[in-house]
Amino acid sequence: MINAMERHHPPRADRWIELHPLVIPGYPQHTEHIRFLASVQVPVVMQGHFNAVPASYPYPRERVIAEFGRYFRCTAAWASALALHEGYREIGLYGIDFQPDYPDPQAPKQRANVEYYIGLARGRGVEVKIASGSHLCREEGLYGFEP
């Protein structure tokens, strides 16, 4: 699970990934999310270990960068790279939709970044499951063949 996905009430989480700073000025929802992470009973991958989140441990940033380079625009990309680095043979991407009308101006770059890691995973023979409603790796028509 990444970022503040607890608001979607997932059935289970084996690990949480939160790579934003502990405090984000002007974003009170993040403070609530950190309180939630302090209560979870599973590991929490963060920039480092923080006493405010007892189950936190540091993301292996340098090892992941050594393997994949420095192309990371969002937590979902970091999470996908970590799964590949750790040798997972299946990655599920749910709740990471990148609808075309999403208001965040960073969303197109983030979508491209996640799609890059999907391609890397598939190229390594990893099965990537994408939610049916997601816009990841989907476009209207088939270029050159369909309108």
C-alpha atoms as a PDB file:
ATOM      1  CA  MET A   1       0.000   0.000   0.000  1.00  0.00           C
ATOM      2  CA  ILE A   2       1.269   3.459  -0.796  1.00  0.00           C
ATOM      3  CA  ASN A   3       0.599   6.929   0.521  1.00  0.00           C
ATOM      4  CA  ALA A   4      -2.857   7.464   2.048  1.00  0.00           C
ATOM      5  CA  MET A   5      -4.614   4.415   0.591  1.00  0.00           C
ATOM      6  CA  GLU A   6      -6.124   3.553   3.985  1.00  0.00           C
ATOM      7  CA  ARG A   7      -8.990   5.911   3.137  1.00  0.00           C
ATOM      8  CA  HIS A   8     -10.072   3.314   0.534  1.00  0.00           C
ATOM      9  CA  HIS A   9     -10.325   0.593   3.215  1.00  0.00           C
ATOM     10  CA  PRO A  10      -8.157  -2.082   1.589  1.00  0.00           C
ATOM     11  CA  PRO A  11      -8.864  -5.633   2.757  1.00  0.00           C
ATOM     12  CA  ARG A  12      -5.240  -6.122   3.822  1.00  0.00           C
ATOM     13  CA  ALA A  13      -1.772  -4.638   3.548  1.00  0.00           C
ATOM     14  CA  ASP A  14       1.480  -6.543   3.921  1.00  0.00           C
ATOM     15  CA  ARG A  15       3.547  -3.364   3.934  1.00  0.00           C
ATOM     16  CA  TRP A  16       3.004   0.388   3.552  1.00  0.00           C
ATOM     17  CA  ILE A  17       5.215   2.714   1.534  1.00  0.00           C
ATOM     18  CA  GLU A  18       5.276   6.404   2.418  1.00  0.00           C
ATOM     19  CA  LEU A  19       8.183   8.373   0.966  1.00  0.00           C
ATOM     20  CA  HIS A  20       6.954  11.907   1.649  1.00  0.00           C
ATOM     21  CA  PRO A  21       8.425  13.868   4.581  1.00  0.00           C
ATOM     22  CA  LEU A  22       6.828  13.364   7.989  1.00  0.00           C
ATOM     23  CA  VAL A  23       5.470  16.911   7.928  1.00  0.00           C
ATOM     24  CA  ILE A  24       4.098  18.642   4.850  1.00  0.00           C
ATOM     25  CA  PRO A  25       3.180  22.258   5.686  1.00  0.00           C
ATOM     26  CA  GLY A  26      -0.337  23.207   4.603  1.00  0.00           C
ATOM     27  CA  TYR A  27      -1.417  19.590   4.165  1.00  0.00           C
ATOM     28  CA  PRO A  28      -3.184  18.523   7.396  1.00  0.00           C
ATOM     29  CA  GLN A  29      -4.416  15.247   5.863  1.00  0.00           C
ATOM     30  CA  HIS A  30      -0.805  14.050   5.829  1.00  0.00           C
ATOM     31  CA  THR A  31      -0.601  14.438   9.606  1.00  0.00           C
ATOM     32  CA  GLU A  32      -3.638  12.132   9.936  1.00  0.00           C
ATOM     33  CA  HIS A  33      -1.971   9.648   7.588  1.00  0.00           C
ATOM     34  CA  ILE A  34       1.210   9.623   9.701  1.00  0.00           C
ATOM     35  CA  ARG A  35      -0.937   8.952  12.795  1.00  0.00           C
ATOM     36  CA  PHE A  36      -2.483   6.031  10.930  1.00  0.00           C
ATOM     37  CA  LEU A  37       0.959   4.677   9.965  1.00  0.00           C
ATOM     38  CA  ALA A  38       2.033   4.890  13.613  1.00  0.00           C
ATOM     39  CA  SER A  39      -0.717   2.396  14.435  1.00  0.00           C
ATOM     40  CA  VAL A  40      -0.179  -0.245  11.743  1.00  0.00           C
ATOM     41  CA  GLN A  41       1.155  -3.685  12.603  1.00  0.00           C
ATOM     42  CA  VAL A  42       3.058  -4.198   9.328  1.00  0.00           C
ATOM     43  CA  PRO A  43       6.363  -2.739   8.085  1.00  0.00           C
ATOM     44  CA  VAL A  44       6.314   0.834   6.769  1.00  0.00           C
ATOM     45  CA  VAL A  45       8.917   1.793   4.172  1.00  0.00           C
ATOM     46  CA  MET A  46       9.901   5.444   4.557  1.00  0.00           C
ATOM     47  CA  GLN A  47      12.868   7.707   3.854  1.00  0.00           C
ATOM     48  CA  GLY A  48      14.333   6.428   7.119  1.00  0.00           C
ATOM     49  CA  HIS A  49      13.270   5.072  10.489  1.00  0.00           C
ATOM     50  CA  PHE A  50      11.134   7.568  12.395  1.00  0.00           C
ATOM     51  CA  ASN A  51      10.199   7.147  16.055  1.00  0.00           C
ATOM     52  CA  ALA A  52       6.761   8.593  15.225  1.00  0.00           C
ATOM     53  CA  VAL A  53       6.165   5.482  13.068  1.00  0.00           C
ATOM     54  CA  PRO A  54       7.580   2.554  15.067  1.00  0.00           C
ATOM     55  CA  ALA A  55       7.338   0.019  12.216  1.00  0.00           C
ATOM     56  CA  SER A  56       9.190   2.288   9.776  1.00  0.00           C
ATOM     57  CA  TYR A  57      12.429   1.352   8.068  1.00  0.00           C
ATOM     58  CA  PRO A  58      14.434   3.062   5.313  1.00  0.00           C
ATOM     59  CA  TYR A  59      13.763   2.574   1.626  1.00  0.00           C
ATOM     60  CA  PRO A  60      16.924   1.079   0.059  1.00  0.00           C
ATOM     61  CA  ARG A  61      17.263   4.112  -2.209  1.00  0.00           C
ATOM     62  CA  GLU A  62      20.909   3.764  -3.206  1.00  0.00           C
ATOM     63  CA  ARG A  63      20.589   0.070  -4.132  1.00  0.00           C
ATOM     64  CA  VAL A  64      17.431   0.719  -6.168  1.00  0.00           C
ATOM     65  CA  ILE A  65      19.017   3.699  -7.944  1.00  0.00           C
ATOM     66  CA  ALA A  66      22.114   1.595  -8.694  1.00  0.00           C
ATOM     67  CA  GLU A  67      19.872  -0.991 -10.371  1.00  0.00           C
ATOM     68  CA  PHE A  68      17.373   1.276 -12.165  1.00  0.00           C
ATOM     69  CA  GLY A  69      18.855   4.769 -12.427  1.00  0.00           C
ATOM     70  CA  ARG A  70      17.313   8.026 -11.216  1.00  0.00           C
ATOM     71  CA  TYR A  71      13.899   8.054 -12.957  1.00  0.00           C
ATOM     72  CA  PHE A  72      11.323   8.354 -10.168  1.00  0.00           C
ATOM     73  CA  ARG A  73       8.361  10.770 -10.329  1.00  0.00           C
ATOM     74  CA  CYS A  74       6.007   9.218  -7.750  1.00  0.00           C
ATOM     75  CA  THR A  75       5.662   6.700  -4.948  1.00  0.00           C
ATOM     76  CA  ALA A  76       4.110   4.115  -7.276  1.00  0.00           C
ATOM     77  CA  ALA A  77       7.287   4.133  -9.381  1.00  0.00           C
ATOM     78  CA  TRP A  78       9.480   3.728  -6.288  1.00  0.00           C
ATOM     79  CA  ALA A  79       7.206   0.897  -5.074  1.00  0.00           C
ATOM     80  CA  SER A  80       7.318  -0.879  -8.443  1.00  0.00           C
ATOM     81  CA  ALA A  81      11.111  -0.607  -8.583  1.00  0.00           C
ATOM     82  CA  LEU A  82      11.360  -1.962  -5.031  1.00  0.00           C
ATOM     83  CA  ALA A  83       9.209  -4.959  -5.954  1.00  0.00           C
ATOM     84  CA  LEU A  84      11.461  -5.670  -8.940  1.00  0.00           C
ATOM     85  CA  HIS A  85      14.592  -5.179  -6.846  1.00  0.00           C
ATOM     86  CA  GLU A  86      13.275  -7.644  -4.254  1.00  0.00           C
ATOM     87  CA  GLY A  87      12.526 -10.238  -6.945  1.00  0.00           C
ATOM     88  CA  TYR A  88       8.731 -10.315  -6.884  1.00  0.00           C
ATOM     89  CA  ARG A  89       7.259 -12.273  -9.806  1.00  0.00           C
ATOM     90  CA  GLU A  90       3.860 -10.563  -9.634  1.00  0.00           C
ATOM     91  CA  ILE A  91       3.000  -6.890  -9.095  1.00  0.00           C
ATOM     92  CA  GLY A  92      -0.560  -5.623  -8.612  1.00  0.00           C
ATOM     93  CA  LEU A  93      -1.398  -1.982  -9.329  1.00  0.00           C
ATOM     94  CA  TYR A  94      -4.757  -1.039  -7.867  1.00  0.00           C
ATOM     95  CA  GLY A  95      -5.984   2.460  -7.065  1.00  0.00           C
ATOM     96  CA  ILE A  96      -3.290   3.936  -9.319  1.00  0.00           C
ATOM     97  CA  ASP A  97      -5.526   5.087 -12.125  1.00  0.00           C
ATOM     98  CA  PHE A  98      -4.174   8.327 -13.664  1.00  0.00           C
ATOM     99  CA  GLN A  99      -7.454   9.366 -15.268  1.00  0.00           C
ATOM    100  CA  PRO A 100      -6.886  11.842 -18.141  1.00  0.00           C
ATOM    101  CA  ASP A 101      -8.831  14.568 -16.307  1.00  0.00           C
ATOM    102  CA  TYR A 102      -6.892  14.226 -13.016  1.00  0.00           C
ATOM    103  CA  PRO A 103      -6.204  17.793 -11.849  1.00  0.00           C
ATOM    104  CA  ASP A 104      -2.575  17.337 -10.715  1.00  0.00           C
ATOM    105  CA  PRO A 105      -0.255  18.756 -13.412  1.00  0.00           C
ATOM    106  CA  GLN A 106       2.371  16.154 -12.406  1.00  0.00           C
ATOM    107  CA  ALA A 107       0.026  13.253 -13.243  1.00  0.00           C
ATOM    108  CA  PRO A 108       1.105  12.797 -16.908  1.00  0.00           C
ATOM    109  CA  LYS A 109       4.768  12.540 -15.871  1.00  0.00           C
ATOM    110  CA  GLN A 110       3.880  10.201 -13.024  1.00  0.00           C
ATOM    111  CA  ARG A 111       1.787   7.994 -15.301  1.00  0.00           C
ATOM    112  CA  ALA A 112       4.641   7.752 -17.808  1.00  0.00           C
ATOM    113  CA  ASN A 113       7.011   6.859 -14.968  1.00  0.00           C
ATOM    114  CA  VAL A 114       4.790   4.066 -13.673  1.00  0.00           C
ATOM    115  CA  GLU A 115       4.269   2.757 -17.215  1.00  0.00           C
ATOM    116  CA  TYR A 116       8.054   2.673 -17.638  1.00  0.00           C
ATOM    117  CA  TYR A 117       8.352   0.359 -14.626  1.00  0.00           C
ATOM    118  CA  ILE A 118       5.451  -1.749 -15.902  1.00  0.00           C
ATOM    119  CA  GLY A 119       7.427  -2.213 -19.127  1.00  0.00           C
ATOM    120  CA  LEU A 120      10.590  -3.091 -17.213  1.00  0.00           C
ATOM    121  CA  ALA A 121       8.666  -5.613 -15.128  1.00  0.00           C
ATOM    122  CA  ARG A 122       7.028  -7.244 -18.136  1.00  0.00           C
ATOM    123  CA  GLY A 123      10.386  -7.316 -19.911  1.00  0.00           C
ATOM    124  CA  ARG A 124      11.749  -9.314 -16.952  1.00  0.00           C
ATOM    125  CA  GLY A 125       8.859 -11.763 -17.161  1.00  0.00           C
ATOM    126  CA  VAL A 126       7.048 -10.350 -14.122  1.00  0.00           C
ATOM    127  CA  GLU A 127       3.263 -10.557 -14.253  1.00  0.00           C
ATOM    128  CA  VAL A 128       1.768  -7.090 -13.792  1.00  0.00           C
ATOM    129  CA  LYS A 129      -1.888  -6.910 -12.803  1.00  0.00           C
ATOM    130  CA  ILE A 130      -3.578  -3.573 -13.456  1.00  0.00           C
ATOM    131  CA  ALA A 131      -7.054  -2.723 -12.163  1.00  0.00           C
ATOM    132  CA  SER A 132      -9.676  -2.876 -14.908  1.00  0.00           C
ATOM    133  CA  GLY A 133     -10.687   0.765 -14.443  1.00  0.00           C
ATOM    134  CA  SER A 134      -7.130   2.079 -14.575  1.00  0.00           C
ATOM    135  CA  HIS A 135      -5.798   4.156 -17.455  1.00  0.00           C
ATOM    136  CA  LEU A 136      -2.316   2.678 -17.111  1.00  0.00           C
ATOM    137  CA  CYS A 137      -1.061   1.119 -20.357  1.00  0.00           C
ATOM    138  CA  ARG A 138      -4.367   1.848 -22.096  1.00  0.00           C
ATOM    139  CA  GLU A 139      -5.176   4.255 -24.901  1.00  0.00           C
ATOM    140  CA  GLU A 140      -8.041   4.721 -27.307  1.00  0.00           C
ATOM    141  CA  GLY A 141      -7.425   2.890 -30.592  1.00  0.00           C
ATOM    142  CA  LEU A 142      -4.348   1.107 -31.821  1.00  0.00           C
ATOM    143  CA  TYR A 143      -1.943   3.574 -33.403  1.00  0.00           C
ATOM    144  CA  GLY A 144      -1.697   3.125 -37.152  1.00  0.00           C
ATOM    145  CA  PHE A 145      -4.471   0.546 -37.281  1.00  0.00           C
ATOM    146  CA  GLU A 146      -7.459   2.004 -35.460  1.00  0.00           C
ATOM    147  CA  PRO A 147      -8.727   5.553 -35.067  1.00  0.00           C
END
